[in-house]
Protein backbone atom coordinates (compact mmCIF):
# COMPACT_ATOMS: atom_id res chain seq x y z
CA MET A 1 25.54 -28.53 86.62
CA LYS A 2 22.57 -26.57 85.43
CA PRO A 3 20.14 -28.21 83.00
CA LEU A 4 20.27 -27.02 79.41
CA ASN A 5 17.76 -24.38 78.47
CA PHE A 6 16.52 -25.69 75.15
CA SER A 7 14.37 -22.64 74.61
CA LEU A 8 17.40 -20.35 74.67
CA ILE A 9 19.37 -22.68 72.41
CA PHE A 10 16.50 -22.80 69.91
CA CYS A 11 16.18 -19.02 69.88
CA ALA A 12 19.92 -18.60 69.36
CA LEU A 13 19.94 -21.05 66.48
CA LEU A 14 16.90 -19.37 64.90
CA ALA A 15 18.52 -15.95 65.20
CA ALA A 16 21.71 -17.25 63.58
CA CYS A 17 19.73 -18.77 60.71
CA LEU A 18 17.81 -15.54 60.15
CA MET A 19 21.00 -13.48 60.12
CA SER A 20 22.67 -15.89 57.72
CA GLY A 21 19.65 -15.83 55.46
CA ALA A 22 19.46 -12.07 55.53
CA GLN A 23 23.15 -11.80 54.65
CA ALA A 24 22.75 -14.24 51.75
CA ALA A 25 19.66 -12.45 50.52
CA GLY A 26 21.53 -9.17 50.69
CA GLU A 27 24.39 -10.53 48.67
CA LYS A 28 22.00 -12.09 46.18
CA GLY A 29 20.01 -8.87 45.90
CA GLN A 30 23.04 -6.77 44.98
CA THR A 31 23.14 -5.77 41.31
CA LEU A 32 26.57 -5.71 39.75
CA TYR A 33 27.04 -3.99 36.39
CA LYS A 34 29.77 -4.38 33.83
CA TRP A 35 30.50 -1.70 31.23
CA VAL A 36 33.30 -0.50 28.98
CA ASP A 37 34.50 3.08 29.04
CA LYS A 38 35.48 5.23 26.07
CA ASN A 39 39.05 3.92 26.28
CA GLY A 40 37.94 0.30 26.06
CA VAL A 41 38.60 -0.42 29.74
CA VAL A 42 36.15 -2.82 31.43
CA HIS A 43 34.58 -1.61 34.70
CA TYR A 44 32.42 -3.26 37.35
CA GLY A 45 30.20 -1.60 39.92
CA GLN A 46 26.82 -1.49 41.63
CA SER A 47 25.99 1.74 39.80
CA VAL A 48 26.86 3.01 36.34
CA PRO A 49 28.24 6.52 35.80
CA PRO A 50 25.72 8.73 33.97
CA GLU A 51 27.97 9.11 30.92
CA TYR A 52 27.82 5.34 30.35
CA ALA A 53 24.16 4.82 31.16
CA ASN A 54 23.13 4.98 27.51
CA GLN A 55 25.40 2.25 26.26
CA GLN A 56 25.20 -1.54 26.42
CA LEU A 57 25.53 -2.91 29.96
CA GLN A 58 25.80 -6.39 31.45
CA VAL A 59 24.22 -7.43 34.74
CA LEU A 60 26.22 -9.99 36.75
CA ASN A 61 25.21 -12.24 39.61
CA ASN A 62 27.30 -12.68 42.80
CA GLN A 63 29.41 -15.30 40.98
CA GLY A 64 30.29 -12.81 38.25
CA VAL A 65 28.18 -14.57 35.63
CA THR A 66 26.26 -12.42 33.15
CA VAL A 67 22.53 -12.87 33.76
CA GLN A 68 21.23 -10.03 31.60
CA THR A 69 22.43 -7.77 28.82
CA ILE A 70 20.85 -4.33 28.63
CA ALA A 71 21.03 -3.02 25.09
CA ALA A 72 21.95 0.57 24.46
CA PRO A 73 18.95 2.79 23.62
CA LYS A 74 18.51 3.21 19.88
CA THR A 75 19.21 6.58 18.33
CA ALA A 76 16.58 8.52 16.40
CA GLU A 77 18.34 7.55 13.18
CA GLU A 78 18.33 3.85 14.12
CA LEU A 79 14.64 3.98 15.05
CA ALA A 80 13.79 5.72 11.78
CA LYS A 81 15.75 3.15 9.78
CA GLU A 82 14.12 0.29 11.68
CA LYS A 83 10.68 1.73 10.88
CA GLN A 84 11.60 2.18 7.23
CA ASP A 85 12.95 -1.37 7.02
CA LYS A 86 9.68 -2.71 8.44
CA LEU A 87 7.64 -0.70 5.94
CA GLU A 88 9.78 -1.94 3.05
CA ALA A 89 9.56 -5.53 4.25
CA ALA A 90 5.78 -5.28 4.55
CA ALA A 91 5.50 -3.76 1.07
CA LYS A 92 7.69 -6.51 -0.39
CA ALA A 93 5.65 -9.21 1.33
CA LYS A 94 2.45 -7.68 -0.02
CA GLN A 95 3.92 -7.49 -3.51
CA LEU A 96 5.00 -11.14 -3.40
CA LYS A 97 1.55 -12.19 -2.14
CA GLU A 98 -0.19 -10.27 -4.93
CA GLN A 99 2.22 -11.71 -7.51
CA HIS A 100 1.50 -15.23 -6.29
CA GLU A 101 -2.25 -14.65 -6.43
CA ASN A 102 -1.97 -13.15 -9.92
CA ASP A 103 0.16 -16.09 -11.13
CA GLN A 104 -2.37 -18.57 -9.75
CA MET A 105 -5.20 -16.67 -11.44
CA LEU A 106 -3.41 -16.85 -14.81
CA LEU A 107 -2.76 -20.58 -14.51
CA ASP A 108 -6.31 -21.31 -13.32
CA THR A 109 -8.00 -19.12 -15.97
CA TYR A 110 -6.02 -19.69 -19.16
CA THR A 111 -4.66 -22.76 -20.91
CA SER A 112 -2.64 -20.94 -23.57
CA VAL A 113 -1.45 -17.53 -24.73
CA SER A 114 -4.19 -17.67 -27.36
CA ASP A 115 -6.79 -17.77 -24.58
CA ILE A 116 -5.40 -14.57 -23.12
CA GLU A 117 -5.32 -12.87 -26.51
CA ARG A 118 -8.95 -13.84 -27.21
CA ASP A 119 -10.01 -12.51 -23.82
CA ARG A 120 -8.12 -9.28 -24.44
CA ASN A 121 -9.60 -8.81 -27.92
CA SER A 122 -13.11 -9.41 -26.60
CA ARG A 123 -12.71 -6.73 -23.96
CA LEU A 124 -11.16 -4.29 -26.40
CA SER A 125 -14.01 -4.86 -28.86
CA ALA A 126 -16.56 -4.02 -26.17
CA ILE A 127 -14.67 -0.84 -25.26
CA ASP A 128 -14.30 0.11 -28.90
CA ALA A 129 -18.06 -0.24 -29.38
CA GLN A 130 -18.60 2.10 -26.41
CA ILE A 131 -16.15 4.62 -27.85
CA LYS A 132 -17.88 4.60 -31.24
CA PHE A 133 -21.29 5.00 -29.62
CA ILE A 134 -20.22 7.91 -27.47
CA ASN A 135 -18.43 9.58 -30.40
CA ASN A 136 -21.65 9.43 -32.41
CA SER A 137 -23.54 10.86 -29.43
CA ILE A 138 -21.04 13.70 -29.11
CA THR A 139 -21.34 14.49 -32.81
CA GLY A 140 -25.12 14.64 -32.47
CA LEU A 141 -24.98 16.89 -29.44
CA GLN A 142 -22.53 19.22 -31.14
CA GLY A 143 -24.88 19.44 -34.13
CA ALA A 144 -27.80 20.18 -31.81
CA LEU A 145 -25.85 22.98 -30.16
CA ILE A 146 -25.12 24.50 -33.56
CA GLY A 147 -28.84 24.45 -34.31
CA TYR A 148 -29.70 26.06 -30.98
CA LYS A 149 -27.04 28.71 -31.54
CA ASN A 150 -28.53 29.57 -34.92
CA GLN A 151 -31.93 29.97 -33.29
CA GLU A 152 -30.43 32.15 -30.61
CA ASP A 153 -28.79 34.35 -33.25
CA LYS A 154 -32.14 34.78 -35.04
CA PHE A 155 -33.80 36.01 -31.87
CA ALA A 156 -30.88 38.36 -31.29
CA LYS A 157 -31.18 39.81 -34.81
CA GLN A 158 -34.85 40.36 -34.20
CA HIS A 159 -34.04 42.02 -30.89
CA LYS A 160 -36.15 39.46 -29.12
CA PRO A 161 -35.31 37.67 -25.88
CA VAL A 162 -34.24 34.08 -26.16
CA PRO A 163 -37.15 31.89 -25.06
CA ALA A 164 -36.73 30.02 -21.78
CA TYR A 165 -37.27 26.64 -23.46
CA LEU A 166 -34.39 27.34 -25.87
CA GLN A 167 -32.08 28.40 -23.07
CA LYS A 168 -32.97 25.27 -21.15
CA ASP A 169 -32.39 23.04 -24.18
CA MET A 170 -29.01 24.63 -24.80
CA GLN A 171 -27.98 24.23 -21.14
CA ASN A 172 -29.07 20.58 -21.03
CA THR A 173 -27.24 19.84 -24.27
CA ARG A 174 -24.03 21.47 -23.04
CA GLU A 175 -24.17 19.47 -19.81
CA GLN A 176 -24.81 16.23 -21.67
CA LEU A 177 -21.97 17.00 -24.08
CA GLU A 178 -19.59 17.60 -21.18
CA THR A 179 -20.67 14.34 -19.54
CA ASN A 180 -20.16 12.39 -22.75
CA GLN A 181 -16.74 13.90 -23.36
CA LYS A 182 -15.64 12.85 -19.85
CA TYR A 183 -17.00 9.36 -20.44
CA LEU A 184 -15.17 9.18 -23.77
CA LEU A 185 -11.89 10.08 -22.05
CA GLU A 186 -12.51 7.41 -19.40
CA GLN A 187 -13.12 4.76 -22.07
CA GLN A 188 -10.00 5.76 -23.99
CA GLN A 189 -7.95 5.49 -20.78
CA ASN A 190 -9.62 2.17 -19.99
CA GLU A 191 -8.63 0.90 -23.43
CA GLN A 192 -4.97 1.71 -22.81
CA GLN A 193 -5.11 0.12 -19.36
CA VAL A 194 -6.61 -3.10 -20.75
CA LYS A 195 -3.90 -3.29 -23.41
CA ALA A 196 -1.17 -2.79 -20.81
CA ARG A 197 -2.73 -5.26 -18.35
CA TYR A 198 -3.09 -8.03 -20.92
CA SER A 199 0.36 -7.39 -22.27
CA GLY A 200 1.60 -8.05 -18.73
CA TYR A 201 -0.59 -11.15 -18.50
CA ILE A 202 0.88 -12.59 -21.68
CA LYS A 203 4.46 -11.86 -20.68
CA ARG A 204 4.02 -13.38 -17.23
CA TYR A 205 2.14 -16.41 -18.57
CA GLN A 206 4.99 -17.07 -20.98
CA GLN A 207 7.45 -16.89 -18.08
CA LEU A 208 5.38 -19.35 -16.05
CA THR A 209 4.68 -21.86 -18.81
CA GLY A 210 7.30 -21.25 -21.52
CA GLN A 211 4.52 -20.86 -24.11
CA ASN A 212 4.75 -18.35 -26.94
CA SER A 213 1.99 -16.66 -28.91
CA PRO A 214 0.76 -18.54 -32.00
CA GLY A 215 2.75 -16.26 -34.28
CA GLY A 216 5.95 -16.91 -32.32
CA GLY A 217 6.16 -13.35 -30.94
CA ASN A 218 5.61 -12.03 -27.44
């Protein structure tokens, strides 16, 4: 009886282990897909037909258990709607944040509707004073232009050139008049904006506190 060759036995066992491991790894490495065709029939396979590649798929392990779900690619319409939904959600969140900050400002700044009305009236009085001042300035500039025009007409009747100083005065007055008229329009618009803003303040403050104006109106 020949002695056992342990080296050969060890090599054989090692080779068997490696082959078994390779086979198991191969089986584990196989990817099995599950999909549904257009008729609702479920299919399984290691590759997905091209016509079903753009729909939802499931990846199964070698026990047939779903280990991953691959969502179908979104259409252009779905992507556009998703983007629009995000924009609308962001705008709504911003609006709610601004509303909260505005509400807190009202509650921290005022103790009654009367406080808001006094603040509004003070601002409107300041704007009104600016409007009166600029109106008076415009009237003065318009009068100055009339005077310059009369002087210009006299030189024309005398067939004399209009002096440079007079031309310059007229040009400066026209420019100042235009500037003042723009400023007047800005102040008039500002007045309307202040009225609208404080009207909103009062309405919102009443909603937050349940207070009414002293006269009982809104």
